[in-house]
Amino acid sequence: MRSKNRATIDYEQCVAYYRAGRRIAGAAAIERYLTANPRTAERAERDAQHDLALAHRYDPVLNEPIPPRLLHGHDSSPASWLAGAGLVAMIGLSAAGGWWLRGLEFGAASPTAQTNTFGQQVARLSDRQPAVDAAARVAARPTPPDLSRAGYRFSGRRVVPTAGGQPLTAYDYRNNAGKHVTIYARPEPGAGRRTPDVISPSGVSLARWQAHGHDYALTGDLPPATLNELAEIAAQPTSQDPADQQTPAAPSVKMPQQTQAPAATVGQPVERTVTPRQQPASGL
């Protein structure tokens, strides 16, 4: 019987039992349940007393009639209509201004945003991109970075298209263990020298840096720390870098000086040396 009462009587019925002064339908079953559960009975009686206290305090206010001014419809006076129209106009202008300022802020991409875009492009590329004649698509091709110190040999150059329309030059490298890495490059006017750092756009780890007006990104199936080490080696200037090459100065040629005869003084006779003519020998 106790389990039956516990299954059919809930806590709200117990609170209602005390709130109604123990006069409620099924009061006998509820009373038996509360007798078997004294802690529940104590809590239900306390909550019922709290509900009765709130009702006693606020019932007079709730029973008051609604004031007539609250029963009228919306005030449609001209002043109220103009105020509402002004509020709507202000909201519209604020929204338009926000979109306009947003366009100014994001219209000109910052160098960081451009670099992030470059990283996203590299992350979306794959080795299955078709090779294109680099000489026909890229006017200025930078010298392939040197990874020979890390045991990687330069195996070829190719050009891969991107969604933005600007192709990227890809330099492929392999080592004796069969590992393959690729360095992507694109021209970036005004870009200075920037040390490598590893990013992971779209979950693809790549090391990026800048040098000699180009953006570079190194990718491969290697840990991020290894990618960063290879990028630091590739970013080191070599003797073939355009910035390190200097036009040799033309050797100076010392021309022989010609000896000029002293000019004659005006009014003085010019001395001439006359070689006497040899006379022919007698008998000839």
C-alpha atoms as a PDB file:
ATOM      1  CA  MET A   1       0.000   0.000   0.000  1.00  0.00           C
ATOM      2  CA  ARG A   2       2.852   2.326   0.772  1.00  0.00           C
ATOM      3  CA  SER A   3       4.427   1.803  -2.644  1.00  0.00           C
ATOM      4  CA  LYS A   4       1.065   2.432  -4.284  1.00  0.00           C
ATOM      5  CA  ASN A   5       0.663   5.742  -2.457  1.00  0.00           C
ATOM      6  CA  ARG A   6       4.216   6.763  -3.371  1.00  0.00           C
ATOM      7  CA  ALA A   7       3.471   6.052  -7.028  1.00  0.00           C
ATOM      8  CA  THR A   8       0.167   7.934  -7.243  1.00  0.00           C
ATOM      9  CA  ILE A   9       0.674  10.963  -4.959  1.00  0.00           C
ATOM     10  CA  ASP A  10       3.091  13.747  -5.964  1.00  0.00           C
ATOM     11  CA  TYR A  11       4.506  16.665  -4.039  1.00  0.00           C
ATOM     12  CA  GLU A  12       2.118  19.244  -5.506  1.00  0.00           C
ATOM     13  CA  GLN A  13      -0.837  17.274  -4.138  1.00  0.00           C
ATOM     14  CA  CYS A  14       0.768  17.327  -0.709  1.00  0.00           C
ATOM     15  CA  VAL A  15       1.182  21.131  -0.827  1.00  0.00           C
ATOM     16  CA  ALA A  16      -2.394  21.547  -2.062  1.00  0.00           C
ATOM     17  CA  TYR A  17      -3.568  19.310   0.799  1.00  0.00           C
ATOM     18  CA  TYR A  18      -2.134  21.676   3.411  1.00  0.00           C
ATOM     19  CA  ARG A  19      -3.074  24.815   1.450  1.00  0.00           C
ATOM     20  CA  ALA A  20      -6.741  23.703   1.330  1.00  0.00           C
ATOM     21  CA  GLY A  21      -6.839  23.041   5.052  1.00  0.00           C
ATOM     22  CA  ARG A  22      -6.705  19.248   4.604  1.00  0.00           C
ATOM     23  CA  ARG A  23     -10.033  19.394   2.730  1.00  0.00           C
ATOM     24  CA  ILE A  24      -9.262  18.072  -0.733  1.00  0.00           C
ATOM     25  CA  ALA A  25     -10.275  15.157  -2.897  1.00  0.00           C
ATOM     26  CA  GLY A  26      -8.327  12.064  -1.931  1.00  0.00           C
ATOM     27  CA  ALA A  27      -7.352  13.579   1.430  1.00  0.00           C
ATOM     28  CA  ALA A  28      -7.288  10.166   3.135  1.00  0.00           C
ATOM     29  CA  ALA A  29      -4.720   8.716   0.734  1.00  0.00           C
ATOM     30  CA  ILE A  30      -2.606  11.884   0.915  1.00  0.00           C
ATOM     31  CA  GLU A  31      -2.725  11.850   4.703  1.00  0.00           C
ATOM     32  CA  ARG A  32      -1.556   8.228   4.795  1.00  0.00           C
ATOM     33  CA  TYR A  33       1.292   9.091   2.412  1.00  0.00           C
ATOM     34  CA  LEU A  34       2.357  12.086   4.543  1.00  0.00           C
ATOM     35  CA  THR A  35       2.188   9.996   7.704  1.00  0.00           C
ATOM     36  CA  ALA A  36       4.570   7.506   6.119  1.00  0.00           C
ATOM     37  CA  ASN A  37       6.882  10.322   4.914  1.00  0.00           C
ATOM     38  CA  PRO A  38       7.253  12.865   7.721  1.00  0.00           C
ATOM     39  CA  ARG A  39      10.064  14.860   6.064  1.00  0.00           C
ATOM     40  CA  THR A  40       8.005  15.349   2.911  1.00  0.00           C
ATOM     41  CA  ALA A  41       5.028  16.328   5.054  1.00  0.00           C
ATOM     42  CA  GLU A  42       7.071  18.961   6.898  1.00  0.00           C
ATOM     43  CA  ARG A  43       8.392  20.507   3.677  1.00  0.00           C
ATOM     44  CA  ALA A  44       4.972  20.476   1.971  1.00  0.00           C
ATOM     45  CA  GLU A  45       3.323  22.146   4.963  1.00  0.00           C
ATOM     46  CA  ARG A  46       6.016  24.857   5.015  1.00  0.00           C
ATOM     47  CA  ASP A  47       5.580  25.574   1.288  1.00  0.00           C
ATOM     48  CA  ALA A  48       1.803  25.699   1.691  1.00  0.00           C
ATOM     49  CA  GLN A  49       2.120  28.276   4.470  1.00  0.00           C
ATOM     50  CA  HIS A  50       4.415  30.351   2.242  1.00  0.00           C
ATOM     51  CA  ASP A  51       1.871  30.289  -0.600  1.00  0.00           C
ATOM     52  CA  LEU A  52      -0.909  31.352   1.763  1.00  0.00           C
ATOM     53  CA  ALA A  53       1.196  34.254   3.069  1.00  0.00           C
ATOM     54  CA  LEU A  54       1.845  35.520  -0.465  1.00  0.00           C
ATOM     55  CA  ALA A  55      -1.822  35.227  -1.355  1.00  0.00           C
ATOM     56  CA  HIS A  56      -2.814  37.113   1.783  1.00  0.00           C
ATOM     57  CA  ARG A  57      -0.392  39.928   0.923  1.00  0.00           C
ATOM     58  CA  TYR A  58      -1.161  40.397  -2.767  1.00  0.00           C
ATOM     59  CA  ASP A  59      -4.774  39.288  -3.131  1.00  0.00           C
ATOM     60  CA  PRO A  60      -6.117  42.791  -2.374  1.00  0.00           C
ATOM     61  CA  VAL A  61      -4.033  44.221  -5.192  1.00  0.00           C
ATOM     62  CA  LEU A  62      -4.928  41.462  -7.618  1.00  0.00           C
ATOM     63  CA  ASN A  63      -8.622  41.839  -6.852  1.00  0.00           C
ATOM     64  CA  GLU A  64      -8.659  45.575  -7.604  1.00  0.00           C
ATOM     65  CA  PRO A  65     -10.361  46.586 -10.855  1.00  0.00           C
ATOM     66  CA  ILE A  66      -8.178  47.560 -13.821  1.00  0.00           C
ATOM     67  CA  PRO A  67      -7.878  51.373 -14.161  1.00  0.00           C
ATOM     68  CA  PRO A  68      -9.817  52.796 -17.114  1.00  0.00           C
ATOM     69  CA  ARG A  69      -6.693  54.412 -18.614  1.00  0.00           C
ATOM     70  CA  LEU A  70      -5.168  50.953 -19.020  1.00  0.00           C
ATOM     71  CA  LEU A  71      -8.240  49.691 -20.843  1.00  0.00           C
ATOM     72  CA  HIS A  72      -7.887  52.244 -23.671  1.00  0.00           C
ATOM     73  CA  GLY A  73      -6.190  51.230 -26.889  1.00  0.00           C
ATOM     74  CA  HIS A  74      -2.938  52.572 -28.212  1.00  0.00           C
ATOM     75  CA  ASP A  75      -2.658  56.343 -28.189  1.00  0.00           C
ATOM     76  CA  SER A  76      -2.867  57.405 -31.836  1.00  0.00           C
ATOM     77  CA  SER A  77      -2.278  61.108 -31.324  1.00  0.00           C
ATOM     78  CA  PRO A  78      -0.006  62.896 -33.864  1.00  0.00           C
ATOM     79  CA  ALA A  79       2.685  63.471 -31.251  1.00  0.00           C
ATOM     80  CA  SER A  80       2.811  59.780 -30.397  1.00  0.00           C
ATOM     81  CA  TRP A  81       2.857  58.830 -34.089  1.00  0.00           C
ATOM     82  CA  LEU A  82       5.731  61.209 -34.822  1.00  0.00           C
ATOM     83  CA  ALA A  83       7.709  59.892 -31.867  1.00  0.00           C
ATOM     84  CA  GLY A  84       7.290  56.332 -33.107  1.00  0.00           C
ATOM     85  CA  ALA A  85       8.278  57.296 -36.640  1.00  0.00           C
ATOM     86  CA  GLY A  86      11.363  59.065 -35.336  1.00  0.00           C
ATOM     87  CA  LEU A  87      12.359  56.003 -33.349  1.00  0.00           C
ATOM     88  CA  VAL A  88      12.013  53.791 -36.425  1.00  0.00           C
ATOM     89  CA  ALA A  89      14.070  56.247 -38.487  1.00  0.00           C
ATOM     90  CA  MET A  90      16.824  56.333 -35.883  1.00  0.00           C
ATOM     91  CA  ILE A  91      16.982  52.537 -35.828  1.00  0.00           C
ATOM     92  CA  GLY A  92      17.213  52.445 -39.622  1.00  0.00           C
ATOM     93  CA  LEU A  93      19.958  55.078 -39.750  1.00  0.00           C
ATOM     94  CA  SER A  94      21.911  53.284 -37.050  1.00  0.00           C
ATOM     95  CA  ALA A  95      21.749  50.012 -38.964  1.00  0.00           C
ATOM     96  CA  ALA A  96      22.765  51.676 -42.240  1.00  0.00           C
ATOM     97  CA  GLY A  97      25.628  53.493 -40.551  1.00  0.00           C
ATOM     98  CA  GLY A  98      26.856  50.286 -38.994  1.00  0.00           C
ATOM     99  CA  TRP A  99      26.982  48.516 -42.349  1.00  0.00           C
ATOM    100  CA  TRP A 100      28.714  51.524 -43.950  1.00  0.00           C
ATOM    101  CA  LEU A 101      31.371  51.676 -41.238  1.00  0.00           C
ATOM    102  CA  ARG A 102      31.813  47.936 -41.499  1.00  0.00           C
ATOM    103  CA  GLY A 103      32.537  48.358 -45.200  1.00  0.00           C
ATOM    104  CA  LEU A 104      35.135  51.032 -44.454  1.00  0.00           C
ATOM    105  CA  GLU A 105      36.792  48.865 -41.850  1.00  0.00           C
ATOM    106  CA  PHE A 106      36.988  45.716 -43.932  1.00  0.00           C
ATOM    107  CA  GLY A 107      37.215  47.271 -47.404  1.00  0.00           C
ATOM    108  CA  ALA A 108      40.996  47.593 -47.285  1.00  0.00           C
ATOM    109  CA  ALA A 109      42.440  44.388 -45.931  1.00  0.00           C
ATOM    110  CA  SER A 110      45.228  44.783 -43.419  1.00  0.00           C
ATOM    111  CA  PRO A 111      48.560  42.973 -43.926  1.00  0.00           C
ATOM    112  CA  THR A 112      47.554  40.470 -41.279  1.00  0.00           C
ATOM    113  CA  ALA A 113      44.244  39.780 -43.045  1.00  0.00           C
ATOM    114  CA  GLN A 114      46.045  39.418 -46.376  1.00  0.00           C
ATOM    115  CA  THR A 115      48.506  36.999 -44.814  1.00  0.00           C
ATOM    116  CA  ASN A 116      45.642  35.000 -43.315  1.00  0.00           C
ATOM    117  CA  THR A 117      43.992  34.911 -46.760  1.00  0.00           C
ATOM    118  CA  PHE A 118      47.248  33.625 -48.216  1.00  0.00           C
ATOM    119  CA  GLY A 119      47.341  30.926 -45.548  1.00  0.00           C
ATOM    120  CA  GLN A 120      43.750  29.914 -46.335  1.00  0.00           C
ATOM    121  CA  GLN A 121      44.615  29.653 -50.034  1.00  0.00           C
ATOM    122  CA  VAL A 122      47.622  27.460 -49.315  1.00  0.00           C
ATOM    123  CA  ALA A 123      45.600  25.289 -46.930  1.00  0.00           C
ATOM    124  CA  ARG A 124      42.998  24.624 -49.646  1.00  0.00           C
ATOM    125  CA  LEU A 125      45.594  23.614 -52.221  1.00  0.00           C
ATOM    126  CA  SER A 126      46.594  20.007 -52.815  1.00  0.00           C
ATOM    127  CA  ASP A 127      49.312  18.222 -54.726  1.00  0.00           C
ATOM    128  CA  ARG A 128      46.732  17.157 -57.314  1.00  0.00           C
ATOM    129  CA  GLN A 129      46.555  20.671 -58.746  1.00  0.00           C
ATOM    130  CA  PRO A 130      47.611  20.642 -62.419  1.00  0.00           C
ATOM    131  CA  ALA A 131      51.062  21.979 -63.228  1.00  0.00           C
ATOM    132  CA  VAL A 132      51.163  25.091 -65.401  1.00  0.00           C
ATOM    133  CA  ASP A 133      54.043  26.663 -67.285  1.00  0.00           C
ATOM    134  CA  ALA A 134      55.554  28.969 -64.697  1.00  0.00           C
ATOM    135  CA  ALA A 135      57.114  31.258 -67.282  1.00  0.00           C
ATOM    136  CA  ALA A 136      53.735  31.913 -68.883  1.00  0.00           C
ATOM    137  CA  ARG A 137      51.795  32.635 -65.692  1.00  0.00           C
ATOM    138  CA  VAL A 138      54.267  34.263 -63.303  1.00  0.00           C
ATOM    139  CA  ALA A 139      56.271  37.234 -64.480  1.00  0.00           C
ATOM    140  CA  ALA A 140      58.670  37.518 -61.537  1.00  0.00           C
ATOM    141  CA  ARG A 141      59.750  34.160 -60.171  1.00  0.00           C
ATOM    142  CA  PRO A 142      61.765  34.267 -56.962  1.00  0.00           C
ATOM    143  CA  THR A 143      64.778  32.041 -56.525  1.00  0.00           C
ATOM    144  CA  PRO A 144      63.751  28.680 -54.998  1.00  0.00           C
ATOM    145  CA  PRO A 145      64.558  28.652 -51.277  1.00  0.00           C
ATOM    146  CA  ASP A 146      67.466  26.385 -50.360  1.00  0.00           C
ATOM    147  CA  LEU A 147      66.654  23.384 -48.145  1.00  0.00           C
ATOM    148  CA  SER A 148      69.811  21.412 -48.880  1.00  0.00           C
ATOM    149  CA  ARG A 149      71.055  21.956 -45.322  1.00  0.00           C
ATOM    150  CA  ALA A 150      68.045  19.941 -44.110  1.00  0.00           C
ATOM    151  CA  GLY A 151      68.620  17.186 -46.682  1.00  0.00           C
ATOM    152  CA  TYR A 152      65.832  18.237 -49.073  1.00  0.00           C
ATOM    153  CA  ARG A 153      66.536  18.540 -52.797  1.00  0.00           C
ATOM    154  CA  PHE A 154      64.657  20.918 -55.076  1.00  0.00           C
ATOM    155  CA  SER A 155      62.663  18.720 -57.471  1.00  0.00           C
ATOM    156  CA  GLY A 156      60.652  21.172 -59.545  1.00  0.00           C
ATOM    157  CA  ARG A 157      58.589  24.300 -59.871  1.00  0.00           C
ATOM    158  CA  ARG A 158      54.921  24.508 -60.808  1.00  0.00           C
ATOM    159  CA  VAL A 159      52.089  27.019 -60.720  1.00  0.00           C
ATOM    160  CA  VAL A 160      48.725  26.237 -59.136  1.00  0.00           C
ATOM    161  CA  PRO A 161      45.540  28.298 -59.532  1.00  0.00           C
ATOM    162  CA  THR A 162      43.596  29.679 -56.574  1.00  0.00           C
ATOM    163  CA  ALA A 163      40.006  30.708 -56.027  1.00  0.00           C
ATOM    164  CA  GLY A 164      41.084  34.361 -55.862  1.00  0.00           C
ATOM    165  CA  GLY A 165      42.490  34.238 -59.390  1.00  0.00           C
ATOM    166  CA  GLN A 166      46.117  34.965 -58.439  1.00  0.00           C
ATOM    167  CA  PRO A 167      48.217  31.841 -59.076  1.00  0.00           C
ATOM    168  CA  LEU A 168      50.816  30.685 -56.593  1.00  0.00           C
ATOM    169  CA  THR A 169      54.251  29.367 -57.459  1.00  0.00           C
ATOM    170  CA  ALA A 170      54.923  26.004 -55.812  1.00  0.00           C
ATOM    171  CA  TYR A 171      58.429  24.657 -55.169  1.00  0.00           C
ATOM    172  CA  ASP A 172      58.657  20.925 -54.478  1.00  0.00           C
ATOM    173  CA  TYR A 173      61.381  19.300 -52.365  1.00  0.00           C
ATOM    174  CA  ARG A 174      62.162  15.681 -51.450  1.00  0.00           C
ATOM    175  CA  ASN A 175      64.691  13.994 -49.207  1.00  0.00           C
ATOM    176  CA  ASN A 176      66.291  10.558 -49.273  1.00  0.00           C
ATOM    177  CA  ALA A 177      63.632   9.185 -46.902  1.00  0.00           C
ATOM    178  CA  GLY A 178      60.873  10.013 -49.390  1.00  0.00           C
ATOM    179  CA  LYS A 179      59.489  12.938 -47.411  1.00  0.00           C
ATOM    180  CA  HIS A 180      57.938  15.658 -49.555  1.00  0.00           C
ATOM    181  CA  VAL A 181      57.416  19.318 -48.695  1.00  0.00           C
ATOM    182  CA  THR A 182      56.150  22.217 -50.778  1.00  0.00           C
ATOM    183  CA  ILE A 183      56.875  25.929 -50.511  1.00  0.00           C
ATOM    184  CA  TYR A 184      54.228  28.240 -51.970  1.00  0.00           C
ATOM    185  CA  ALA A 185      55.114  31.808 -52.905  1.00  0.00           C
ATOM    186  CA  ARG A 186      53.246  34.835 -54.193  1.00  0.00           C
ATOM    187  CA  PRO A 187      54.362  38.426 -54.831  1.00  0.00           C
ATOM    188  CA  GLU A 188      53.521  40.870 -52.057  1.00  0.00           C
ATOM    189  CA  PRO A 189      54.792  44.394 -52.875  1.00  0.00           C
ATOM    190  CA  GLY A 190      56.108  46.202 -49.846  1.00  0.00           C
ATOM    191  CA  ALA A 191      56.518  43.056 -47.751  1.00  0.00           C
ATOM    192  CA  GLY A 192      59.621  43.157 -45.578  1.00  0.00           C
ATOM    193  CA  ARG A 193      61.512  40.352 -43.899  1.00  0.00           C
ATOM    194  CA  ARG A 194      59.402  38.418 -41.399  1.00  0.00           C
ATOM    195  CA  THR A 195      60.502  35.435 -39.340  1.00  0.00           C
ATOM    196  CA  PRO A 196      58.599  32.151 -39.812  1.00  0.00           C
ATOM    197  CA  ASP A 197      55.659  31.218 -37.630  1.00  0.00           C
ATOM    198  CA  VAL A 198      53.346  28.197 -37.746  1.00  0.00           C
ATOM    199  CA  ILE A 199      49.597  28.612 -38.283  1.00  0.00           C
ATOM    200  CA  SER A 200      46.828  26.064 -38.822  1.00  0.00           C
ATOM    201  CA  PRO A 201      44.094  27.481 -41.092  1.00  0.00           C
ATOM    202  CA  SER A 202      41.364  24.930 -41.812  1.00  0.00           C
ATOM    203  CA  GLY A 203      43.278  22.422 -39.683  1.00  0.00           C
ATOM    204  CA  VAL A 204      46.315  22.347 -42.014  1.00  0.00           C
ATOM    205  CA  SER A 205      49.646  23.234 -40.380  1.00  0.00           C
ATOM    206  CA  LEU A 206      51.941  25.473 -42.401  1.00  0.00           C
ATOM    207  CA  ALA A 207      54.898  27.753 -41.681  1.00  0.00           C
ATOM    208  CA  ARG A 208      54.761  31.200 -43.282  1.00  0.00           C
ATOM    209  CA  TRP A 209      57.225  34.059 -43.631  1.00  0.00           C
ATOM    210  CA  GLN A 210      57.997  37.060 -45.831  1.00  0.00           C
ATOM    211  CA  ALA A 211      61.164  38.071 -47.652  1.00  0.00           C
ATOM    212  CA  HIS A 212      62.137  40.211 -50.655  1.00  0.00           C
ATOM    213  CA  GLY A 213      58.591  41.272 -51.526  1.00  0.00           C
ATOM    214  CA  HIS A 214      57.082  37.757 -51.404  1.00  0.00           C
ATOM    215  CA  ASP A 215      54.884  35.726 -49.092  1.00  0.00           C
ATOM    216  CA  TYR A 216      56.040  32.160 -48.446  1.00  0.00           C
ATOM    217  CA  ALA A 217      54.288  29.167 -46.885  1.00  0.00           C
ATOM    218  CA  LEU A 218      55.831  25.729 -46.291  1.00  0.00           C
ATOM    219  CA  THR A 219      53.582  22.679 -46.005  1.00  0.00           C
ATOM    220  CA  GLY A 220      54.120  18.961 -45.625  1.00  0.00           C
ATOM    221  CA  ASP A 221      53.146  15.874 -43.667  1.00  0.00           C
ATOM    222  CA  LEU A 222      55.439  16.815 -40.780  1.00  0.00           C
ATOM    223  CA  PRO A 223      55.008  18.009 -37.184  1.00  0.00           C
ATOM    224  CA  PRO A 224      54.566  21.778 -36.754  1.00  0.00           C
ATOM    225  CA  ALA A 225      57.947  22.099 -35.025  1.00  0.00           C
ATOM    226  CA  THR A 226      59.696  20.429 -37.978  1.00  0.00           C
ATOM    227  CA  LEU A 227      57.867  22.679 -40.426  1.00  0.00           C
ATOM    228  CA  ASN A 228      59.037  25.714 -38.490  1.00  0.00           C
ATOM    229  CA  GLU A 229      62.664  24.480 -38.501  1.00  0.00           C
ATOM    230  CA  LEU A 230      62.564  23.943 -42.270  1.00  0.00           C
ATOM    231  CA  ALA A 231      61.009  27.384 -42.753  1.00  0.00           C
ATOM    232  CA  GLU A 232      63.778  29.006 -40.723  1.00  0.00           C
ATOM    233  CA  ILE A 233      66.361  27.326 -42.964  1.00  0.00           C
ATOM    234  CA  ALA A 234      64.489  28.364 -46.115  1.00  0.00           C
ATOM    235  CA  ALA A 235      64.113  31.941 -44.874  1.00  0.00           C
ATOM    236  CA  GLN A 236      67.856  32.422 -44.444  1.00  0.00           C
ATOM    237  CA  PRO A 237      69.286  34.674 -47.175  1.00  0.00           C
ATOM    238  CA  THR A 238      71.518  33.055 -49.749  1.00  0.00           C
ATOM    239  CA  SER A 239      74.062  34.433 -52.160  1.00  0.00           C
ATOM    240  CA  GLN A 240      71.466  34.148 -54.935  1.00  0.00           C
ATOM    241  CA  ASP A 241      68.907  36.372 -53.238  1.00  0.00           C
ATOM    242  CA  PRO A 242      68.261  39.565 -55.206  1.00  0.00           C
ATOM    243  CA  ALA A 243      68.716  41.686 -52.091  1.00  0.00           C
ATOM    244  CA  ASP A 244      72.147  40.193 -51.440  1.00  0.00           C
ATOM    245  CA  GLN A 245      73.425  40.676 -54.947  1.00  0.00           C
ATOM    246  CA  GLN A 246      75.305  43.897 -55.618  1.00  0.00           C
ATOM    247  CA  THR A 247      76.374  45.173 -58.993  1.00  0.00           C
ATOM    248  CA  PRO A 248      80.171  44.959 -59.120  1.00  0.00           C
ATOM    249  CA  ALA A 249      81.895  48.258 -59.624  1.00  0.00           C
ATOM    250  CA  ALA A 250      83.515  48.720 -63.008  1.00  0.00           C
ATOM    251  CA  PRO A 251      87.322  48.459 -62.788  1.00  0.00           C
ATOM    252  CA  SER A 252      89.063  51.755 -63.195  1.00  0.00           C
ATOM    253  CA  VAL A 253      91.405  51.883 -66.184  1.00  0.00           C
ATOM    254  CA  LYS A 254      94.388  54.176 -65.846  1.00  0.00           C
ATOM    255  CA  MET A 255      94.998  55.846 -69.184  1.00  0.00           C
ATOM    256  CA  PRO A 256      98.610  56.632 -70.118  1.00  0.00           C
ATOM    257  CA  GLN A 257      99.432  60.309 -69.938  1.00  0.00           C
ATOM    258  CA  GLN A 258     100.669  61.995 -73.092  1.00  0.00           C
ATOM    259  CA  THR A 259     103.692  64.284 -72.802  1.00  0.00           C
ATOM    260  CA  GLN A 260     103.003  67.638 -74.368  1.00  0.00           C
ATOM    261  CA  ALA A 261     105.739  69.863 -75.677  1.00  0.00           C
ATOM    262  CA  PRO A 262     106.074  73.183 -73.863  1.00  0.00           C
ATOM    263  CA  ALA A 263     104.389  76.029 -75.643  1.00  0.00           C
ATOM    264  CA  ALA A 264     106.650  78.632 -77.228  1.00  0.00           C
ATOM    265  CA  THR A 265     106.842  82.049 -75.680  1.00  0.00           C
ATOM    266  CA  VAL A 266     105.526  84.850 -77.857  1.00  0.00           C
ATOM    267  CA  GLY A 267     108.346  87.039 -79.231  1.00  0.00           C
ATOM    268  CA  GLN A 268     111.107  84.465 -78.818  1.00  0.00           C
ATOM    269  CA  PRO A 269     112.538  82.546 -81.760  1.00  0.00           C
ATOM    270  CA  VAL A 270     111.881  78.901 -81.929  1.00  0.00           C
ATOM    271  CA  GLU A 271     115.058  76.889 -81.800  1.00  0.00           C
ATOM    272  CA  ARG A 272     115.190  74.090 -84.289  1.00  0.00           C
ATOM    273  CA  THR A 273     117.727  71.331 -84.443  1.00  0.00           C
ATOM    274  CA  VAL A 274     118.909  70.665 -87.972  1.00  0.00           C
ATOM    275  CA  THR A 275     120.536  67.376 -88.701  1.00  0.00           C
ATOM    276  CA  PRO A 276     123.326  67.821 -91.254  1.00  0.00           C
ATOM    277  CA  ARG A 277     122.817  65.914 -94.492  1.00  0.00           C
ATOM    278  CA  GLN A 278     125.351  63.206 -95.024  1.00  0.00           C
ATOM    279  CA  GLN A 279     127.406  63.571 -98.168  1.00  0.00           C
ATOM    280  CA  PRO A 280     127.762  60.588-100.401  1.00  0.00           C
ATOM    281  CA  ALA A 281     131.100  58.851-100.282  1.00  0.00           C
ATOM    282  CA  SER A 282     133.490  59.718-103.033  1.00  0.00           C
ATOM    283  CA  GLY A 283     133.661  57.362-105.958  1.00  0.00           C
ATOM    284  CA  LEU A 284     129.870  56.482-105.771  1.00  0.00           C
END
